Amino acid sequence: MYATFWIRVFSPGRGISFAAQTNVVQPESEDRYSVTEVRSALQFLTAPPGTGGTPELKYLNPLLSLGDRVSIAALKIYTPDGLAKTENADAYLTAVRNAFSHAGIVRAKSDRDPRVTLFVLELPSRERDV
């Protein structure tokens, strides 16, 4: 993907303007689902208490603006069996609770609707029915 930036420099009193176009190659965002933030939070939440030494706010505050994006990232991080493990499931539920605790500050409007989260939460019952 290319981004075009226009730079205009105006010289007061002389009326001189200069325009330049630069094409910058921007890598495809592998983290458009905030996988890095969610992975850090899940690792923090699954670590034994007292081992991190870092305040919870560092890992949990970024989740407040993610909403349903937390569940999308969790599906990219865990396999279904990995998510079913008790320690991972507990961490995921804590992350989701934080992600939806302040729906008004969730960045993307589409992430305010918990569609993917509801799908993930229904996975255990779907597997039982199969």
Protein backbone atom coordinates (compact mmCIF):
# COMPACT_ATOMS: atom_id res chain seq x y z
CA MET A 1 0.00 0.00 0.00
CA TYR A 2 1.32 3.44 -0.88
CA ALA A 3 0.61 6.65 0.95
CA THR A 4 1.03 10.01 -0.67
CA PHE A 5 2.06 12.98 1.41
CA TRP A 6 1.91 16.53 0.14
CA ILE A 7 4.13 19.13 1.74
CA ARG A 8 3.44 22.79 1.14
CA VAL A 9 5.79 25.44 2.33
CA PHE A 10 4.57 29.02 2.21
CA SER A 11 6.88 31.95 2.50
CA PRO A 12 5.02 34.92 3.99
CA GLY A 13 5.27 38.05 1.88
CA ARG A 14 6.81 36.31 -1.14
CA GLY A 15 3.94 34.11 -2.18
CA ILE A 16 6.27 31.20 -2.89
CA SER A 17 4.89 27.74 -2.50
CA PHE A 18 6.61 24.43 -2.89
CA ALA A 19 4.86 21.11 -3.26
CA ALA A 20 6.49 17.71 -3.07
CA GLN A 21 5.02 14.28 -3.35
CA THR A 22 6.56 11.34 -1.58
CA ASN A 23 5.47 7.75 -1.91
CA VAL A 24 6.08 5.78 1.23
CA VAL A 25 5.54 2.06 1.28
CA GLN A 26 3.52 1.19 4.34
CA PRO A 27 3.53 -2.46 5.35
CA GLU A 28 0.23 -4.20 5.64
CA SER A 29 -0.83 -3.91 9.24
CA GLU A 30 -0.52 -7.36 10.74
CA ASP A 31 -1.78 -5.84 13.93
CA ARG A 32 -5.01 -4.30 12.70
CA TYR A 33 -6.78 -6.50 15.23
CA SER A 34 -4.52 -5.35 18.10
CA VAL A 35 -3.00 -8.81 18.47
CA THR A 36 0.11 -7.40 20.15
CA GLU A 37 -1.84 -5.62 22.90
CA VAL A 38 -4.18 -8.55 23.47
CA ARG A 39 -1.30 -11.07 23.53
CA SER A 40 0.54 -8.94 26.12
CA ALA A 41 -2.58 -8.69 28.27
CA LEU A 42 -3.28 -12.43 28.04
CA GLN A 43 0.32 -13.28 28.93
CA PHE A 44 0.11 -10.93 31.90
CA LEU A 45 -3.18 -12.47 33.01
CA THR A 46 -1.87 -16.04 32.75
CA ALA A 47 1.41 -15.29 34.56
CA PRO A 48 1.65 -16.34 38.20
CA PRO A 49 0.82 -13.45 40.56
CA GLY A 50 3.76 -11.29 41.52
CA THR A 51 6.01 -12.35 38.64
CA GLY A 52 5.46 -9.38 36.35
CA GLY A 53 6.23 -6.47 38.60
CA THR A 54 4.36 -4.25 36.11
CA PRO A 55 1.07 -2.62 37.05
CA GLU A 56 -2.08 -4.16 35.66
CA LEU A 57 -3.02 -0.87 34.07
CA LYS A 58 -0.19 -1.16 31.54
CA TYR A 59 -1.72 -4.32 30.11
CA LEU A 60 -5.43 -3.89 30.77
CA ASN A 61 -5.97 -0.21 29.91
CA PRO A 62 -5.29 -0.71 26.18
CA LEU A 63 -8.13 -3.25 26.12
CA LEU A 64 -10.69 -0.65 27.15
CA SER A 65 -10.90 0.78 23.64
CA LEU A 66 -10.90 -2.53 21.75
CA GLY A 67 -14.29 -4.16 22.37
CA ASP A 68 -14.92 -7.10 20.04
CA ARG A 69 -11.40 -6.77 18.64
CA VAL A 70 -10.17 -8.64 21.75
CA SER A 71 -12.04 -11.76 20.65
CA ILE A 72 -10.77 -11.50 17.10
CA ALA A 73 -7.21 -11.26 18.42
CA ALA A 74 -7.80 -14.17 20.82
CA LEU A 75 -8.86 -16.35 17.88
CA LYS A 76 -5.61 -15.43 16.14
CA ILE A 77 -3.58 -16.17 19.28
CA TYR A 78 -5.16 -19.39 20.54
CA THR A 79 -6.28 -22.60 18.94
CA PRO A 80 -9.75 -23.71 20.08
CA ASP A 81 -8.12 -26.26 22.41
CA GLY A 82 -5.73 -23.63 23.73
CA LEU A 83 -8.57 -21.26 24.49
CA ALA A 84 -10.44 -24.05 26.29
CA LYS A 85 -7.63 -24.46 28.85
CA THR A 86 -8.77 -23.08 32.19
CA GLU A 87 -5.97 -20.54 32.64
CA ASN A 88 -6.38 -19.22 29.08
CA ALA A 89 -10.18 -19.12 29.34
CA ASP A 90 -9.96 -17.17 32.62
CA ALA A 91 -7.53 -14.70 31.05
CA TYR A 92 -9.73 -14.34 27.97
CA LEU A 93 -12.86 -13.68 30.04
CA THR A 94 -11.03 -11.03 32.07
CA ALA A 95 -9.78 -9.40 28.87
CA VAL A 96 -13.26 -9.39 27.31
CA ARG A 97 -14.81 -8.00 30.48
CA ASN A 98 -12.31 -5.11 30.36
CA ALA A 99 -12.80 -4.61 26.62
CA PHE A 100 -16.54 -4.05 27.02
CA SER A 101 -16.49 -2.28 30.38
CA HIS A 102 -16.66 1.18 28.78
CA ALA A 103 -18.44 0.73 25.45
CA GLY A 104 -18.46 4.47 24.82
CA ILE A 105 -14.68 4.59 24.39
CA VAL A 106 -14.35 1.62 22.03
CA ARG A 107 -12.59 3.09 18.98
CA ALA A 108 -14.36 1.33 16.14
CA LYS A 109 -18.14 1.40 16.09
CA SER A 110 -18.24 -2.15 14.73
CA ASP A 111 -16.23 -3.37 17.75
CA ARG A 112 -18.94 -2.14 20.15
CA ASP A 113 -21.17 -4.99 19.00
CA PRO A 114 -20.00 -8.29 20.59
CA ARG A 115 -20.68 -10.55 17.60
CA VAL A 116 -17.33 -12.36 17.59
CA THR A 117 -17.26 -12.46 21.39
CA LEU A 118 -20.66 -14.18 21.48
CA PHE A 119 -19.44 -16.65 18.86
CA VAL A 120 -16.35 -17.46 20.96
CA LEU A 121 -18.41 -17.80 24.13
CA GLU A 122 -20.78 -20.23 22.41
CA LEU A 123 -17.98 -22.49 21.11
CA PRO A 124 -18.02 -24.92 24.09
CA SER A 125 -21.76 -25.52 23.77
CA ARG A 126 -21.46 -26.04 20.01
CA GLU A 127 -18.73 -28.64 20.51
CA ARG A 128 -20.90 -30.51 23.04
CA ASP A 129 -23.79 -30.64 20.57
CA VAL A 130 -21.67 -32.13 17.79
